[in-house]
Amino acid sequence: TAVGTGLNAPAGFDQAAAQALTALTGKPFRTAPNKFHALTSKDELVFAHGALKALACDLMKIANDIRWLASGPRLGLGEITIPANEPGSSIMPGKVNPTQCEQTTMVAVQVMGNDAAVSLAASQGNFQLNVFMPVLIYNFLQSARLLAESMTAFRERCVVGITPNKEKMDANLRNSLMLVTALNPYIGYENGAKTAKKAFAENITLKEACVALGFLTAEQFDAVFHPEKML
């Protein structure tokens, strides 16, 4: 009705319409208590789409982590293996492309862009009426559909097929110089820094560097150095 006044609508029409929609869909529809606000403001959709954007941000992080952890097999991190869904690169035989990670991140970017469109559309409630509802709901529904389809494909064609490369994980762990942090209580910060720098400069392990510098014996190092207890 005109600007939310209820003019030209019979009394109780709003309640009757909500009840009819509830009966038709099985979903709980209810009429807005403030019709003026409902016509000019679409903040509830901005709020709801914010949750979709937050989900997209998390998916972007997860998909990128998986992509990096699967990089390799020899010159990347290579700590996990992802399913080979396609034949691979057209120029590099045997290469496994992280296509499911890529589609997930592309969807995430689209949803983040849609959030900007939803926000701008919702801000256009000039005076009594927001006429940007078509672009608002178009982007909102697109985000919901893309996320649902993307997550299903990502789970079925990537996540469930991930396998850990335990030997590579262990090698990366043992070669990490940042594990020197665990030695701080035993040799101190400054000696820990010297140990890490020596290990890096000479391409040796932390254990070898620590023993060479005389901070700990090999037996003492093994007794205190337990990465699995650093969680």
Protein backbone atom coordinates (compact mmCIF):
# COMPACT_ATOMS: atom_id res chain seq x y z
CA THR A 1 0.00 0.00 0.00
CA ALA A 2 1.01 3.62 -0.30
CA VAL A 3 4.21 4.21 1.71
CA GLY A 4 3.10 1.78 4.43
CA THR A 5 -0.07 3.53 5.55
CA GLY A 6 -2.39 0.66 4.67
CA LEU A 7 -4.45 2.99 2.50
CA ASN A 8 -6.69 1.20 -0.06
CA ALA A 9 -6.19 -2.20 1.62
CA PRO A 10 -8.96 -3.77 3.71
CA ALA A 11 -8.34 -4.05 7.43
CA GLY A 12 -6.56 -7.29 8.31
CA PHE A 13 -5.28 -7.87 4.77
CA ASP A 14 -1.67 -8.02 5.96
CA GLN A 15 -2.38 -10.73 8.52
CA ALA A 16 -4.48 -12.71 6.06
CA ALA A 17 -1.73 -12.57 3.42
CA ALA A 18 0.89 -13.76 5.91
CA GLN A 19 -1.33 -16.64 7.02
CA ALA A 20 -2.00 -17.66 3.42
CA LEU A 21 1.72 -17.70 2.60
CA THR A 22 2.43 -19.72 5.74
CA ALA A 23 -0.18 -22.29 4.75
CA LEU A 24 1.13 -22.44 1.19
CA THR A 25 4.84 -22.80 2.00
CA GLY A 26 4.87 -24.29 5.49
CA LYS A 27 7.20 -21.47 6.52
CA PRO A 28 6.32 -18.99 9.28
CA PHE A 29 5.45 -15.73 7.50
CA ARG A 30 4.45 -12.70 9.54
CA THR A 31 3.60 -9.13 8.71
CA ALA A 32 6.03 -6.33 9.51
CA PRO A 33 4.95 -4.38 12.59
CA ASN A 34 6.28 -1.14 11.05
CA LYS A 35 5.20 -0.93 7.41
CA PHE A 36 6.97 2.39 6.85
CA HIS A 37 10.30 0.87 7.87
CA ALA A 38 9.68 -2.28 5.83
CA LEU A 39 9.16 -0.33 2.61
CA THR A 40 12.13 1.99 2.89
CA SER A 41 14.70 -0.16 4.73
CA LYS A 42 16.08 -3.55 3.76
CA ASP A 43 18.53 -3.88 6.62
CA GLU A 44 17.37 -7.42 7.43
CA LEU A 45 18.68 -8.63 4.07
CA VAL A 46 21.95 -6.75 4.60
CA PHE A 47 22.29 -8.49 7.96
CA ALA A 48 21.49 -11.91 6.50
CA HIS A 49 23.82 -11.46 3.54
CA GLY A 50 26.55 -10.49 5.98
CA ALA A 51 26.39 -14.05 7.27
CA LEU A 52 26.79 -15.33 3.71
CA LYS A 53 29.81 -13.06 3.24
CA ALA A 54 31.32 -14.34 6.48
CA LEU A 55 30.87 -17.89 5.20
CA ALA A 56 32.53 -16.90 1.92
CA CYS A 57 35.51 -15.48 3.82
CA ASP A 58 35.95 -18.74 5.71
CA LEU A 59 35.65 -20.78 2.51
CA MET A 60 38.27 -18.59 0.84
CA LYS A 61 40.68 -19.26 3.70
CA ILE A 62 39.97 -23.01 3.80
CA ALA A 63 40.26 -23.50 0.03
CA ASN A 64 43.49 -21.51 -0.16
CA ASP A 65 44.99 -23.47 2.74
CA ILE A 66 44.16 -26.74 1.00
CA ARG A 67 45.57 -25.47 -2.28
CA TRP A 68 48.86 -24.44 -0.67
CA LEU A 69 49.17 -27.59 1.42
CA ALA A 70 48.66 -29.67 -1.74
CA SER A 71 51.23 -27.73 -3.77
CA GLY A 72 54.08 -29.76 -5.12
CA PRO A 73 54.63 -32.62 -5.31
CA ARG A 74 58.34 -31.85 -4.85
CA LEU A 75 58.82 -28.09 -4.82
CA GLY A 76 55.73 -27.12 -2.84
CA LEU A 77 54.51 -27.91 0.66
CA GLY A 78 53.09 -31.24 -0.47
CA GLU A 79 51.67 -32.15 2.93
CA ILE A 80 48.37 -33.41 1.50
CA THR A 81 47.19 -34.92 -1.77
CA ILE A 82 43.93 -33.83 -3.36
CA PRO A 83 41.87 -35.81 -5.89
CA ALA A 84 42.76 -35.44 -9.56
CA ASN A 85 39.35 -34.53 -10.96
CA GLU A 86 40.58 -33.73 -14.47
CA PRO A 87 43.38 -34.99 -16.74
CA GLY A 88 45.52 -32.07 -15.59
CA SER A 89 47.41 -29.25 -17.20
CA SER A 90 47.38 -28.99 -20.99
CA ILE A 91 51.05 -27.98 -20.99
CA MET A 92 52.44 -29.86 -17.98
CA PRO A 93 51.73 -33.61 -18.10
CA GLY A 94 50.86 -35.15 -14.75
CA LYS A 95 50.08 -31.86 -13.04
CA VAL A 96 47.07 -31.93 -10.71
CA ASN A 97 45.16 -28.66 -10.83
CA PRO A 98 43.32 -27.63 -7.63
CA THR A 99 40.16 -26.88 -9.59
CA GLN A 100 37.75 -27.41 -6.71
CA CYS A 101 39.74 -25.01 -4.56
CA GLU A 102 39.69 -22.54 -7.42
CA GLN A 103 35.94 -22.74 -7.98
CA THR A 104 35.38 -22.28 -4.25
CA THR A 105 37.55 -19.18 -4.10
CA MET A 106 35.91 -17.72 -7.20
CA VAL A 107 32.48 -18.21 -5.65
CA ALA A 108 33.76 -16.55 -2.48
CA VAL A 109 34.90 -13.52 -4.48
CA GLN A 110 31.52 -13.33 -6.20
CA VAL A 111 29.67 -13.44 -2.88
CA MET A 112 31.89 -10.69 -1.46
CA GLY A 113 31.10 -8.60 -4.53
CA ASN A 114 27.41 -9.37 -4.15
CA ASP A 115 27.61 -8.14 -0.57
CA ALA A 116 28.70 -4.75 -1.83
CA ALA A 117 25.77 -4.72 -4.27
CA VAL A 118 23.33 -5.73 -1.53
CA SER A 119 24.66 -3.04 0.78
CA LEU A 120 24.44 -0.29 -1.83
CA ALA A 121 20.97 -1.41 -2.92
CA ALA A 122 19.73 -1.40 0.66
CA SER A 123 21.04 2.13 1.16
CA GLN A 124 18.81 3.50 -1.60
CA GLY A 125 15.63 3.76 0.46
CA ASN A 126 15.11 7.42 -0.32
CA PHE A 127 12.32 8.81 1.80
CA GLN A 128 9.43 6.29 1.87
CA LEU A 129 10.40 3.65 -0.71
CA ASN A 130 13.38 1.55 -1.74
CA VAL A 131 13.02 0.65 -5.42
CA PHE A 132 16.30 -1.31 -5.56
CA MET A 133 14.66 -4.51 -4.35
CA PRO A 134 15.16 -6.42 -7.65
CA VAL A 135 18.95 -6.02 -7.66
CA LEU A 136 19.05 -6.66 -3.92
CA ILE A 137 17.19 -9.97 -4.01
CA TYR A 138 18.93 -11.04 -7.24
CA ASN A 139 22.35 -10.82 -5.63
CA PHE A 140 21.14 -12.28 -2.35
CA LEU A 141 19.64 -15.38 -3.98
CA GLN A 142 22.64 -15.78 -6.28
CA SER A 143 24.97 -15.81 -3.28
CA ALA A 144 22.90 -18.42 -1.47
CA ARG A 145 22.69 -20.65 -4.55
CA LEU A 146 26.37 -20.34 -5.45
CA LEU A 147 27.52 -21.12 -1.92
CA ALA A 148 25.27 -24.16 -1.62
CA GLU A 149 26.38 -25.62 -4.95
CA SER A 150 30.03 -24.72 -4.43
CA MET A 151 30.25 -26.28 -0.97
CA THR A 152 28.59 -29.48 -2.17
CA ALA A 153 31.05 -29.85 -5.05
CA PHE A 154 34.01 -28.89 -2.87
CA ARG A 155 33.11 -31.52 -0.29
CA GLU A 156 32.29 -34.32 -2.73
CA ARG A 157 35.12 -33.76 -5.22
CA CYS A 158 37.90 -32.53 -3.00
CA VAL A 159 37.58 -32.61 0.78
CA VAL A 160 36.48 -36.24 1.18
CA GLY A 161 39.36 -37.37 -1.04
CA ILE A 162 42.18 -35.54 0.76
CA THR A 163 44.95 -37.83 2.00
CA PRO A 164 47.80 -36.78 4.30
CA ASN A 165 51.42 -37.21 3.24
CA LYS A 166 52.78 -38.08 6.66
CA GLU A 167 56.41 -38.42 5.59
CA LYS A 168 56.35 -34.97 3.99
CA MET A 169 54.63 -33.50 7.05
CA ASP A 170 57.26 -34.95 9.33
CA ALA A 171 60.09 -33.73 7.11
CA ASN A 172 58.67 -30.21 6.98
CA LEU A 173 58.16 -30.25 10.73
CA ARG A 174 61.67 -31.41 11.51
CA ASN A 175 63.19 -28.87 9.11
CA SER A 176 61.23 -25.93 10.49
CA LEU A 177 63.50 -23.44 12.24
CA MET A 178 60.57 -21.92 14.09
CA LEU A 179 60.49 -24.97 16.33
CA VAL A 180 63.39 -23.36 18.13
CA THR A 181 60.69 -21.61 20.17
CA ALA A 182 60.27 -24.85 22.11
CA LEU A 183 63.90 -24.59 23.25
CA ASN A 184 63.54 -21.16 24.86
CA PRO A 185 62.80 -22.52 28.36
CA TYR A 186 66.01 -24.58 28.23
CA ILE A 187 68.59 -22.44 26.41
CA GLY A 188 67.05 -18.95 26.47
CA TYR A 189 65.87 -16.61 23.74
CA GLU A 190 69.30 -15.34 22.63
CA ASN A 191 70.80 -18.80 22.38
CA GLY A 192 67.69 -19.95 20.56
CA ALA A 193 68.20 -17.19 18.00
CA LYS A 194 71.84 -18.21 17.56
CA THR A 195 70.78 -21.81 17.07
CA ALA A 196 68.21 -20.94 14.40
CA LYS A 197 70.61 -18.64 12.53
CA LYS A 198 73.38 -21.24 12.52
CA ALA A 199 71.01 -23.96 11.32
CA PHE A 200 69.82 -21.73 8.49
CA ALA A 201 73.28 -20.51 7.47
CA GLU A 202 74.79 -24.00 7.38
CA ASN A 203 71.67 -25.87 6.20
CA ILE A 204 71.69 -28.19 9.19
CA THR A 205 69.03 -29.21 11.69
CA LEU A 206 68.24 -27.40 14.90
CA LYS A 207 69.58 -30.36 16.80
CA GLU A 208 72.90 -30.28 14.97
CA ALA A 209 73.22 -26.53 15.47
CA CYS A 210 72.29 -26.66 19.15
CA VAL A 211 74.80 -29.42 19.84
CA ALA A 212 77.54 -27.70 17.81
CA LEU A 213 77.07 -24.50 19.81
CA GLY A 214 77.30 -26.44 23.05
CA PHE A 215 73.90 -25.42 24.38
CA LEU A 216 72.62 -28.99 24.77
CA THR A 217 73.90 -32.50 24.22
CA ALA A 218 72.18 -34.71 21.67
CA GLU A 219 70.56 -36.64 24.50
CA GLN A 220 69.35 -33.48 26.23
CA PHE A 221 67.93 -32.15 22.97
CA ASP A 222 65.94 -35.33 22.34
CA ALA A 223 64.66 -35.28 25.91
CA VAL A 224 63.17 -31.78 25.70
CA PHE A 225 62.30 -31.44 22.03
CA HIS A 226 58.82 -32.86 21.38
CA PRO A 227 56.89 -30.97 18.66
CA GLU A 228 53.82 -33.11 19.25
CA LYS A 229 53.50 -31.58 22.71
CA MET A 230 53.46 -28.01 21.40
CA LEU A 231 49.71 -28.04 20.69
